[in-house]
Amino acid sequence: MLQLADQGRSRSAAMSGKLDELQALAAVILWKSGHFDTLDLAAVLGVGEDAVCRTLQAARHVGRGHL
């Protein structure tokens, strides 16, 4: 089954870097709008989707009062 995967779309298993402060703020605001998914945000911000997911998770954690 793996041989059928689109080789052009494959990515490394390594995590991408962090978002800077402005990218993180944009990601949270756009996510909360309800119009974008994490893949859309990653594409617009030019970062890996995993970095967007980690940023949103951190924002939820802080929003619950956990520092």
N, C-alpha and C. Protein backbone atom coordinates (compact mmCIF):
# COMPACT_ATOMS: atom_id res chain seq x y z
N MET A 1 0.83 -1.19 0.00
CA MET A 1 0.00 0.00 0.00
C MET A 1 0.87 1.25 0.00
N LEU A 2 2.00 1.23 0.70
CA LEU A 2 2.86 2.39 0.75
C LEU A 2 3.41 2.78 -0.61
N GLN A 3 3.60 1.81 -1.48
CA GLN A 3 4.13 2.10 -2.81
C GLN A 3 3.14 2.92 -3.63
N LEU A 4 1.87 2.97 -3.23
CA LEU A 4 0.86 3.74 -3.93
C LEU A 4 0.81 5.19 -3.46
N ALA A 5 1.52 5.53 -2.41
CA ALA A 5 1.51 6.89 -1.87
C ALA A 5 2.13 7.86 -2.87
N ASP A 6 1.64 9.07 -2.86
CA ASP A 6 2.17 10.12 -3.73
C ASP A 6 3.51 10.58 -3.17
N GLN A 7 4.59 10.20 -3.82
CA GLN A 7 5.93 10.52 -3.33
C GLN A 7 6.18 12.02 -3.29
N GLY A 8 5.54 12.79 -4.14
CA GLY A 8 5.72 14.24 -4.14
C GLY A 8 5.14 14.92 -2.92
N ARG A 9 4.23 14.22 -2.25
CA ARG A 9 3.58 14.83 -1.09
C ARG A 9 4.15 14.32 0.23
N SER A 10 5.08 13.41 0.16
CA SER A 10 5.62 12.87 1.40
C SER A 10 6.49 13.91 2.10
N ARG A 11 6.54 13.82 3.42
CA ARG A 11 7.32 14.76 4.22
C ARG A 11 8.12 13.99 5.24
N SER A 12 9.09 14.65 5.76
CA SER A 12 9.91 14.06 6.82
C SER A 12 9.06 13.89 8.07
N ALA A 13 9.42 12.93 8.89
CA ALA A 13 8.72 12.73 10.15
C ALA A 13 9.19 13.73 11.21
N ALA A 14 10.24 14.47 10.92
CA ALA A 14 10.76 15.44 11.88
C ALA A 14 9.77 16.60 12.04
N MET A 15 9.72 17.13 13.25
CA MET A 15 8.82 18.26 13.51
C MET A 15 9.40 19.53 12.91
N SER A 16 8.50 20.40 12.48
CA SER A 16 8.93 21.70 11.97
C SER A 16 9.20 22.63 13.15
N GLY A 17 9.76 23.77 12.86
CA GLY A 17 10.12 24.73 13.91
C GLY A 17 8.92 25.42 14.52
N LYS A 18 9.21 26.39 15.35
CA LYS A 18 8.18 27.14 16.05
C LYS A 18 7.68 28.30 15.20
N LEU A 19 6.49 28.77 15.52
CA LEU A 19 5.96 29.98 14.92
C LEU A 19 6.51 31.17 15.69
N ASP A 20 6.71 32.29 15.00
CA ASP A 20 7.10 33.49 15.74
C ASP A 20 5.83 34.07 16.39
N GLU A 21 5.97 35.12 17.18
CA GLU A 21 4.83 35.65 17.93
C GLU A 21 3.69 36.11 17.03
N LEU A 22 4.01 36.78 15.94
CA LEU A 22 2.99 37.28 15.03
C LEU A 22 2.27 36.13 14.32
N GLN A 23 3.03 35.12 13.90
CA GLN A 23 2.42 33.95 13.27
C GLN A 23 1.51 33.22 14.25
N ALA A 24 1.95 33.10 15.49
CA ALA A 24 1.14 32.41 16.51
C ALA A 24 -0.17 33.17 16.76
N LEU A 25 -0.08 34.48 16.87
CA LEU A 25 -1.28 35.28 17.08
C LEU A 25 -2.23 35.14 15.90
N ALA A 26 -1.69 35.22 14.70
CA ALA A 26 -2.52 35.06 13.50
C ALA A 26 -3.18 33.69 13.47
N ALA A 27 -2.43 32.66 13.81
CA ALA A 27 -2.97 31.30 13.80
C ALA A 27 -4.14 31.17 14.77
N VAL A 28 -3.99 31.70 15.96
CA VAL A 28 -5.05 31.61 16.97
C VAL A 28 -6.29 32.39 16.53
N ILE A 29 -6.08 33.60 16.04
CA ILE A 29 -7.22 34.42 15.61
C ILE A 29 -7.96 33.77 14.44
N LEU A 30 -7.19 33.32 13.45
CA LEU A 30 -7.83 32.69 12.28
C LEU A 30 -8.51 31.39 12.65
N TRP A 31 -7.90 30.61 13.54
CA TRP A 31 -8.50 29.35 13.98
C TRP A 31 -9.83 29.61 14.68
N LYS A 32 -9.84 30.61 15.56
CA LYS A 32 -11.05 30.93 16.31
C LYS A 32 -12.16 31.46 15.42
N SER A 33 -11.83 31.95 14.23
CA SER A 33 -12.86 32.43 13.31
C SER A 33 -13.73 31.28 12.82
N GLY A 34 -13.19 30.06 12.86
CA GLY A 34 -13.93 28.89 12.42
C GLY A 34 -13.93 28.66 10.92
N HIS A 35 -13.17 29.46 10.18
CA HIS A 35 -13.16 29.34 8.72
C HIS A 35 -11.96 28.58 8.18
N PHE A 36 -11.00 28.25 9.03
CA PHE A 36 -9.76 27.64 8.55
C PHE A 36 -9.42 26.40 9.37
N ASP A 37 -8.84 25.41 8.70
CA ASP A 37 -8.33 24.26 9.44
C ASP A 37 -6.81 24.42 9.58
N THR A 38 -6.19 23.50 10.28
CA THR A 38 -4.76 23.64 10.56
C THR A 38 -3.91 23.57 9.30
N LEU A 39 -4.34 22.81 8.31
CA LEU A 39 -3.60 22.74 7.05
C LEU A 39 -3.66 24.06 6.31
N ASP A 40 -4.84 24.70 6.30
CA ASP A 40 -4.96 26.03 5.68
C ASP A 40 -4.04 27.03 6.36
N LEU A 41 -4.05 27.02 7.69
CA LEU A 41 -3.22 27.97 8.44
C LEU A 41 -1.74 27.74 8.17
N ALA A 42 -1.34 26.50 8.13
CA ALA A 42 0.07 26.19 7.86
C ALA A 42 0.48 26.71 6.49
N ALA A 43 -0.38 26.53 5.50
CA ALA A 43 -0.07 26.97 4.15
C ALA A 43 0.04 28.49 4.08
N VAL A 44 -0.89 29.18 4.70
CA VAL A 44 -0.88 30.66 4.67
C VAL A 44 0.33 31.21 5.41
N LEU A 45 0.66 30.59 6.54
CA LEU A 45 1.77 31.10 7.36
C LEU A 45 3.13 30.58 6.90
N GLY A 46 3.13 29.62 6.02
CA GLY A 46 4.38 29.07 5.51
C GLY A 46 5.16 28.27 6.54
N VAL A 47 4.42 27.53 7.37
CA VAL A 47 5.02 26.70 8.41
C VAL A 47 4.44 25.30 8.32
N GLY A 48 4.98 24.38 9.10
CA GLY A 48 4.45 23.03 9.14
C GLY A 48 3.15 22.97 9.93
N GLU A 49 2.27 22.06 9.51
CA GLU A 49 0.99 21.90 10.20
C GLU A 49 1.19 21.51 11.66
N ASP A 50 2.24 20.74 11.94
CA ASP A 50 2.49 20.33 13.33
C ASP A 50 2.79 21.54 14.21
N ALA A 51 3.46 22.55 13.66
CA ALA A 51 3.75 23.76 14.44
C ALA A 51 2.46 24.53 14.76
N VAL A 52 1.54 24.55 13.80
CA VAL A 52 0.24 25.20 14.03
C VAL A 52 -0.51 24.44 15.12
N CYS A 53 -0.54 23.12 15.05
CA CYS A 53 -1.23 22.31 16.05
C CYS A 53 -0.66 22.52 17.44
N ARG A 54 0.67 22.54 17.54
CA ARG A 54 1.30 22.76 18.86
C ARG A 54 0.96 24.15 19.39
N THR A 55 0.93 25.14 18.52
CA THR A 55 0.61 26.51 18.94
C THR A 55 -0.83 26.60 19.44
N LEU A 56 -1.76 25.98 18.72
CA LEU A 56 -3.15 26.01 19.15
C LEU A 56 -3.35 25.26 20.46
N GLN A 57 -2.65 24.15 20.62
CA GLN A 57 -2.72 23.41 21.88
C GLN A 57 -2.19 24.23 23.03
N ALA A 58 -1.09 24.93 22.82
CA ALA A 58 -0.52 25.79 23.86
C ALA A 58 -1.48 26.93 24.21
N ALA A 59 -2.14 27.50 23.20
CA ALA A 59 -3.11 28.57 23.44
C ALA A 59 -4.29 28.06 24.27
N ARG A 60 -4.76 26.85 23.97
CA ARG A 60 -5.85 26.27 24.77
C ARG A 60 -5.41 26.04 26.20
N HIS A 61 -4.18 25.56 26.37
CA HIS A 61 -3.63 25.30 27.70
C HIS A 61 -3.58 26.60 28.52
N VAL A 62 -3.07 27.66 27.91
CA VAL A 62 -2.99 28.96 28.60
C VAL A 62 -4.40 29.49 28.86
N GLY A 63 -5.30 29.30 27.91
CA GLY A 63 -6.68 29.76 28.07
C GLY A 63 -7.40 29.11 29.23
N ARG A 64 -6.96 27.92 29.60
CA ARG A 64 -7.55 27.23 30.76
C ARG A 64 -6.93 27.67 32.07
N GLY A 65 -6.00 28.60 31.99
CA GLY A 65 -5.36 29.11 33.20
C GLY A 65 -4.12 28.39 33.61
N HIS A 66 -3.60 27.52 32.75
CA HIS A 66 -2.36 26.80 33.04
C HIS A 66 -1.21 27.55 32.41
N LEU A 67 -0.23 27.87 33.18
CA LEU A 67 0.93 28.54 32.64
C LEU A 67 2.06 27.59 32.72
